[in-house]
Amino acid sequence: MKIFTIRDFYQKEYQEYIIGSREIERHSVYFVYGEVPVNGIREMGAPEGHEEILFLLSGEAVLGSGGVKTQLVKEQAVFMANEPFTFTALTECRYVVAGAHTMTHHH
């Protein structure tokens, strides 16, 4: 068992707190925590070889992909596999992503 303080794992490149293969010393799963201010926009999505579930802890957001927009509200989740999308915060948002590697690859 390992215990992590999520705020110790900020990755500026992604603007998220990430606990991944480097921290757990396995290339199987990862955990992400993020915050997006009102009207903030993030490019997101599970890249090839990954599957993710995004859970909105608080706030309201619109997810856009391929001309389709879907509203996500507090305590809703969405499953993603090889699907890039734009996350637009309608209100201040906090979210977590649970992800898994579906095939062997290197980061």
N, C-alpha and C. Protein backbone atom coordinates (compact mmCIF):
# COMPACT_ATOMS: atom_id res chain seq x y z
N MET A 1 0.85 -1.18 0.00
CA MET A 1 0.00 0.00 0.00
C MET A 1 0.89 1.24 0.00
N LYS A 2 0.50 2.23 -0.81
CA LYS A 2 1.20 3.52 -0.82
C LYS A 2 0.16 4.61 -0.61
N ILE A 3 0.53 5.63 0.13
CA ILE A 3 -0.35 6.78 0.36
C ILE A 3 0.25 7.98 -0.35
N PHE A 4 -0.60 8.74 -1.04
CA PHE A 4 -0.16 9.90 -1.80
C PHE A 4 -0.93 11.14 -1.34
N THR A 5 -0.25 12.27 -1.31
CA THR A 5 -0.91 13.56 -1.13
C THR A 5 -1.00 14.16 -2.53
N ILE A 6 -2.19 14.17 -3.09
CA ILE A 6 -2.39 14.49 -4.50
C ILE A 6 -1.77 15.84 -4.90
N ARG A 7 -1.79 16.83 -4.02
CA ARG A 7 -1.26 18.15 -4.36
C ARG A 7 0.26 18.13 -4.55
N ASP A 8 0.92 17.04 -4.19
CA ASP A 8 2.36 16.91 -4.41
C ASP A 8 2.70 16.47 -5.83
N PHE A 9 1.69 16.20 -6.66
CA PHE A 9 1.93 15.59 -7.96
C PHE A 9 1.42 16.44 -9.13
N TYR A 10 1.51 17.76 -8.99
CA TYR A 10 1.06 18.66 -10.06
C TYR A 10 1.98 18.55 -11.27
N GLN A 11 1.37 18.41 -12.46
CA GLN A 11 2.12 18.39 -13.70
C GLN A 11 1.67 19.58 -14.55
N LYS A 12 2.54 20.57 -14.59
CA LYS A 12 2.22 21.83 -15.26
C LYS A 12 1.80 21.63 -16.71
N GLU A 13 2.45 20.70 -17.40
CA GLU A 13 2.14 20.43 -18.80
C GLU A 13 0.67 20.11 -19.02
N TYR A 14 0.08 19.38 -18.09
CA TYR A 14 -1.32 18.96 -18.20
C TYR A 14 -2.26 19.80 -17.34
N GLN A 15 -1.72 20.62 -16.47
CA GLN A 15 -2.50 21.41 -15.52
C GLN A 15 -3.36 20.50 -14.64
N GLU A 16 -2.79 19.36 -14.26
CA GLU A 16 -3.49 18.38 -13.44
C GLU A 16 -2.52 17.75 -12.45
N TYR A 17 -3.09 17.12 -11.46
CA TYR A 17 -2.32 16.34 -10.48
C TYR A 17 -2.44 14.88 -10.92
N ILE A 18 -1.31 14.22 -11.16
CA ILE A 18 -1.34 12.88 -11.73
C ILE A 18 -0.50 11.92 -10.92
N ILE A 19 -1.10 10.80 -10.57
CA ILE A 19 -0.38 9.69 -9.96
C ILE A 19 -0.39 8.57 -11.01
N GLY A 20 0.79 8.27 -11.52
CA GLY A 20 0.86 7.31 -12.62
C GLY A 20 1.95 6.27 -12.42
N SER A 21 2.43 5.76 -13.54
CA SER A 21 3.38 4.64 -13.52
C SER A 21 4.66 4.96 -12.76
N ARG A 22 5.13 6.17 -12.85
CA ARG A 22 6.35 6.55 -12.13
C ARG A 22 6.14 6.44 -10.62
N GLU A 23 4.97 6.86 -10.16
CA GLU A 23 4.69 6.87 -8.72
C GLU A 23 4.34 5.49 -8.17
N ILE A 24 3.62 4.70 -8.96
CA ILE A 24 3.20 3.38 -8.45
C ILE A 24 4.14 2.26 -8.90
N GLU A 25 5.09 2.61 -9.78
CA GLU A 25 6.08 1.66 -10.29
C GLU A 25 5.45 0.48 -11.02
N ARG A 26 4.35 0.76 -11.69
CA ARG A 26 3.66 -0.21 -12.55
C ARG A 26 3.04 0.56 -13.70
N HIS A 27 2.92 -0.10 -14.84
CA HIS A 27 2.34 0.56 -16.01
C HIS A 27 0.96 -0.03 -16.27
N SER A 28 0.06 0.17 -15.33
CA SER A 28 -1.26 -0.44 -15.46
C SER A 28 -2.39 0.58 -15.31
N VAL A 29 -2.36 1.37 -14.25
CA VAL A 29 -3.44 2.31 -13.97
C VAL A 29 -2.86 3.67 -13.60
N TYR A 30 -3.72 4.69 -13.64
CA TYR A 30 -3.31 6.03 -13.20
C TYR A 30 -4.52 6.78 -12.69
N PHE A 31 -4.25 7.84 -11.94
CA PHE A 31 -5.30 8.64 -11.31
C PHE A 31 -4.98 10.10 -11.54
N VAL A 32 -6.00 10.88 -11.89
CA VAL A 32 -5.83 12.30 -12.20
C VAL A 32 -6.84 13.11 -11.39
N TYR A 33 -6.39 14.24 -10.86
CA TYR A 33 -7.29 15.21 -10.22
C TYR A 33 -7.07 16.54 -10.92
N GLY A 34 -8.17 17.20 -11.29
CA GLY A 34 -8.04 18.49 -11.97
C GLY A 34 -9.08 19.49 -11.51
N GLU A 35 -8.73 20.76 -11.71
CA GLU A 35 -9.62 21.88 -11.41
C GLU A 35 -9.62 22.79 -12.63
N VAL A 36 -10.81 23.24 -13.03
CA VAL A 36 -10.92 24.14 -14.17
C VAL A 36 -11.78 25.33 -13.74
N PRO A 37 -11.27 26.56 -13.89
CA PRO A 37 -12.06 27.72 -13.51
C PRO A 37 -13.24 27.94 -14.46
N VAL A 38 -14.21 28.70 -14.03
CA VAL A 38 -15.36 29.02 -14.88
C VAL A 38 -14.86 29.55 -16.22
N ASN A 39 -15.45 29.08 -17.30
CA ASN A 39 -15.09 29.41 -18.68
C ASN A 39 -13.73 28.86 -19.11
N GLY A 40 -13.09 28.08 -18.25
CA GLY A 40 -11.83 27.45 -18.61
C GLY A 40 -12.06 26.34 -19.62
N ILE A 41 -11.07 26.13 -20.48
CA ILE A 41 -11.16 25.11 -21.52
C ILE A 41 -9.93 24.21 -21.44
N ARG A 42 -10.16 22.90 -21.53
CA ARG A 42 -9.07 21.92 -21.54
C ARG A 42 -9.30 20.94 -22.67
N GLU A 43 -8.24 20.59 -23.36
CA GLU A 43 -8.29 19.50 -24.33
C GLU A 43 -8.02 18.23 -23.55
N MET A 44 -8.91 17.26 -23.66
CA MET A 44 -8.83 16.05 -22.87
C MET A 44 -9.12 14.84 -23.73
N GLY A 45 -9.12 13.69 -23.10
CA GLY A 45 -9.51 12.45 -23.77
C GLY A 45 -8.49 11.36 -23.56
N ALA A 46 -8.97 10.15 -23.64
CA ALA A 46 -8.10 8.99 -23.47
C ALA A 46 -7.31 8.77 -24.76
N PRO A 47 -5.99 8.84 -24.69
CA PRO A 47 -5.20 8.60 -25.90
C PRO A 47 -5.21 7.13 -26.29
N GLU A 48 -4.72 6.83 -27.47
CA GLU A 48 -4.68 5.45 -27.92
C GLU A 48 -3.97 4.57 -26.90
N GLY A 49 -4.53 3.41 -26.64
CA GLY A 49 -3.95 2.50 -25.66
C GLY A 49 -4.39 2.76 -24.24
N HIS A 50 -5.36 3.66 -24.05
CA HIS A 50 -5.86 4.00 -22.72
C HIS A 50 -7.39 3.97 -22.71
N GLU A 51 -7.95 3.71 -21.55
CA GLU A 51 -9.37 3.89 -21.31
C GLU A 51 -9.49 4.66 -20.00
N GLU A 52 -10.46 5.58 -19.95
CA GLU A 52 -10.61 6.44 -18.78
C GLU A 52 -12.07 6.63 -18.42
N ILE A 53 -12.29 6.87 -17.14
CA ILE A 53 -13.59 7.34 -16.67
C ILE A 53 -13.35 8.68 -16.00
N LEU A 54 -14.01 9.70 -16.50
CA LEU A 54 -13.94 11.05 -15.92
C LEU A 54 -15.16 11.23 -15.04
N PHE A 55 -14.95 11.60 -13.78
CA PHE A 55 -16.03 11.81 -12.82
C PHE A 55 -15.99 13.26 -12.38
N LEU A 56 -17.08 13.98 -12.60
CA LEU A 56 -17.15 15.40 -12.23
C LEU A 56 -17.56 15.50 -10.76
N LEU A 57 -16.61 15.92 -9.93
CA LEU A 57 -16.86 16.05 -8.49
C LEU A 57 -17.77 17.24 -8.19
N SER A 58 -17.55 18.35 -8.91
CA SER A 58 -18.36 19.55 -8.70
C SER A 58 -18.37 20.37 -9.97
N GLY A 59 -19.44 21.14 -10.12
CA GLY A 59 -19.55 22.05 -11.25
C GLY A 59 -20.40 21.50 -12.39
N GLU A 60 -20.37 22.26 -13.50
CA GLU A 60 -21.06 21.89 -14.73
C GLU A 60 -20.13 22.18 -15.88
N ALA A 61 -20.11 21.28 -16.86
CA ALA A 61 -19.21 21.43 -17.99
C ALA A 61 -19.90 20.95 -19.27
N VAL A 62 -19.34 21.35 -20.39
CA VAL A 62 -19.77 20.84 -21.69
C VAL A 62 -18.58 20.12 -22.31
N LEU A 63 -18.83 18.90 -22.77
CA LEU A 63 -17.82 18.13 -23.47
C LEU A 63 -18.15 18.19 -24.96
N GLY A 64 -17.18 18.56 -25.76
CA GLY A 64 -17.41 18.68 -27.19
C GLY A 64 -16.46 17.80 -27.98
N SER A 65 -17.02 17.07 -28.97
CA SER A 65 -16.21 16.21 -29.82
C SER A 65 -16.93 15.99 -31.14
N GLY A 66 -16.23 16.27 -32.24
CA GLY A 66 -16.81 16.02 -33.56
C GLY A 66 -18.10 16.76 -33.81
N GLY A 67 -18.24 17.96 -33.28
CA GLY A 67 -19.45 18.75 -33.47
C GLY A 67 -20.58 18.41 -32.53
N VAL A 68 -20.40 17.39 -31.69
CA VAL A 68 -21.43 17.00 -30.72
C VAL A 68 -21.04 17.56 -29.35
N LYS A 69 -22.00 18.19 -28.67
CA LYS A 69 -21.76 18.74 -27.34
C LYS A 69 -22.67 18.04 -26.34
N THR A 70 -22.08 17.67 -25.20
CA THR A 70 -22.81 16.97 -24.15
C THR A 70 -22.56 17.67 -22.84
N GLN A 71 -23.62 17.98 -22.10
CA GLN A 71 -23.45 18.61 -20.80
C GLN A 71 -23.21 17.55 -19.73
N LEU A 72 -22.28 17.85 -18.84
CA LEU A 72 -21.95 16.98 -17.72
C LEU A 72 -22.14 17.80 -16.45
N VAL A 73 -22.84 17.24 -15.46
CA VAL A 73 -23.08 17.96 -14.21
C VAL A 73 -22.49 17.18 -13.05
N LYS A 74 -22.39 17.85 -11.93
CA LYS A 74 -21.84 17.27 -10.70
C LYS A 74 -22.32 15.84 -10.50
N GLU A 75 -21.35 14.97 -10.19
CA GLU A 75 -21.56 13.56 -9.87
C GLU A 75 -21.98 12.71 -11.05
N GLN A 76 -21.76 13.22 -12.28
CA GLN A 76 -21.92 12.38 -13.46
C GLN A 76 -20.54 11.94 -13.93
N ALA A 77 -20.51 10.82 -14.62
CA ALA A 77 -19.25 10.29 -15.14
C ALA A 77 -19.41 9.95 -16.61
N VAL A 78 -18.28 9.91 -17.30
CA VAL A 78 -18.28 9.55 -18.72
C VAL A 78 -17.10 8.62 -18.98
N PHE A 79 -17.33 7.58 -19.78
CA PHE A 79 -16.29 6.63 -20.17
C PHE A 79 -15.70 7.09 -21.50
N MET A 80 -14.38 6.99 -21.62
CA MET A 80 -13.68 7.42 -22.84
C MET A 80 -12.66 6.38 -23.26
N ALA A 81 -12.58 6.14 -24.56
CA ALA A 81 -11.55 5.26 -25.11
C ALA A 81 -11.14 5.83 -26.47
N ASN A 82 -9.90 6.29 -26.59
CA ASN A 82 -9.38 6.85 -27.84
C ASN A 82 -10.26 7.98 -28.38
N GLU A 83 -10.79 8.82 -27.48
CA GLU A 83 -11.70 9.88 -27.89
C GLU A 83 -11.23 11.23 -27.36
N PRO A 84 -10.63 12.05 -28.20
CA PRO A 84 -10.29 13.40 -27.75
C PRO A 84 -11.55 14.27 -27.69
N PHE A 85 -11.59 15.20 -26.74
CA PHE A 85 -12.71 16.12 -26.63
C PHE A 85 -12.26 17.40 -25.94
N THR A 86 -13.09 18.41 -26.04
CA THR A 86 -12.84 19.68 -25.36
C THR A 86 -13.75 19.76 -24.14
N PHE A 87 -13.15 20.06 -23.00
CA PHE A 87 -13.87 20.23 -21.73
C PHE A 87 -13.98 21.73 -21.49
N THR A 88 -15.21 22.25 -21.45
CA THR A 88 -15.44 23.67 -21.18
C THR A 88 -16.22 23.79 -19.87
N ALA A 89 -15.65 24.48 -18.90
CA ALA A 89 -16.28 24.63 -17.59
C ALA A 89 -17.33 25.74 -17.63
N LEU A 90 -18.58 25.40 -17.37
CA LEU A 90 -19.64 26.41 -17.29
C LEU A 90 -19.62 27.08 -15.92
N THR A 91 -19.17 26.32 -14.92
CA THR A 91 -18.95 26.83 -13.57
C THR A 91 -17.59 26.29 -13.15
N GLU A 92 -17.09 26.70 -12.01
CA GLU A 92 -15.83 26.15 -11.52
C GLU A 92 -16.00 24.63 -11.35
N CYS A 93 -15.06 23.86 -11.89
CA CYS A 93 -15.18 22.40 -11.89
C CYS A 93 -13.99 21.74 -11.20
N ARG A 94 -14.30 20.63 -10.55
CA ARG A 94 -13.27 19.72 -10.00
C ARG A 94 -13.63 18.34 -10.50
N TYR A 95 -12.62 17.59 -10.92
CA TYR A 95 -12.88 16.26 -11.47
C TYR A 95 -11.76 15.30 -11.13
N VAL A 96 -12.07 14.01 -11.27
CA VAL A 96 -11.06 12.96 -11.19
C VAL A 96 -11.19 12.10 -12.44
N VAL A 97 -10.07 11.52 -12.82
CA VAL A 97 -10.04 10.57 -13.93
C VAL A 97 -9.35 9.31 -13.42
N ALA A 98 -10.00 8.18 -13.62
CA ALA A 98 -9.38 6.88 -13.36
C ALA A 98 -9.07 6.29 -14.72
N GLY A 99 -7.81 5.92 -14.94
CA GLY A 99 -7.42 5.43 -16.25
C GLY A 99 -6.66 4.14 -16.18
N ALA A 100 -6.69 3.42 -17.30
CA ALA A 100 -5.97 2.16 -17.41
C ALA A 100 -5.31 2.07 -18.78
N HIS A 101 -4.20 1.38 -18.82
CA HIS A 101 -3.53 1.10 -20.08
C HIS A 101 -4.11 -0.19 -20.65
N THR A 102 -4.54 -0.14 -21.90
CA THR A 102 -5.16 -1.30 -22.52
C THR A 102 -4.19 -2.09 -23.39
N MET A 103 -3.01 -1.52 -23.62
CA MET A 103 -1.99 -2.24 -24.35
C MET A 103 -0.61 -1.75 -23.91
N THR A 104 0.39 -2.56 -24.08
CA THR A 104 1.73 -2.20 -23.65
C THR A 104 2.30 -1.10 -24.53
N HIS A 105 2.78 -0.05 -23.91
CA HIS A 105 3.44 1.05 -24.61
C HIS A 105 4.24 1.82 -23.59
N HIS A 106 5.03 2.76 -24.06
CA HIS A 106 5.88 3.55 -23.17
C HIS A 106 5.52 5.03 -23.25
N HIS A 107 5.67 5.73 -22.14
CA HIS A 107 5.42 7.18 -22.10
C HIS A 107 6.73 7.89 -22.08
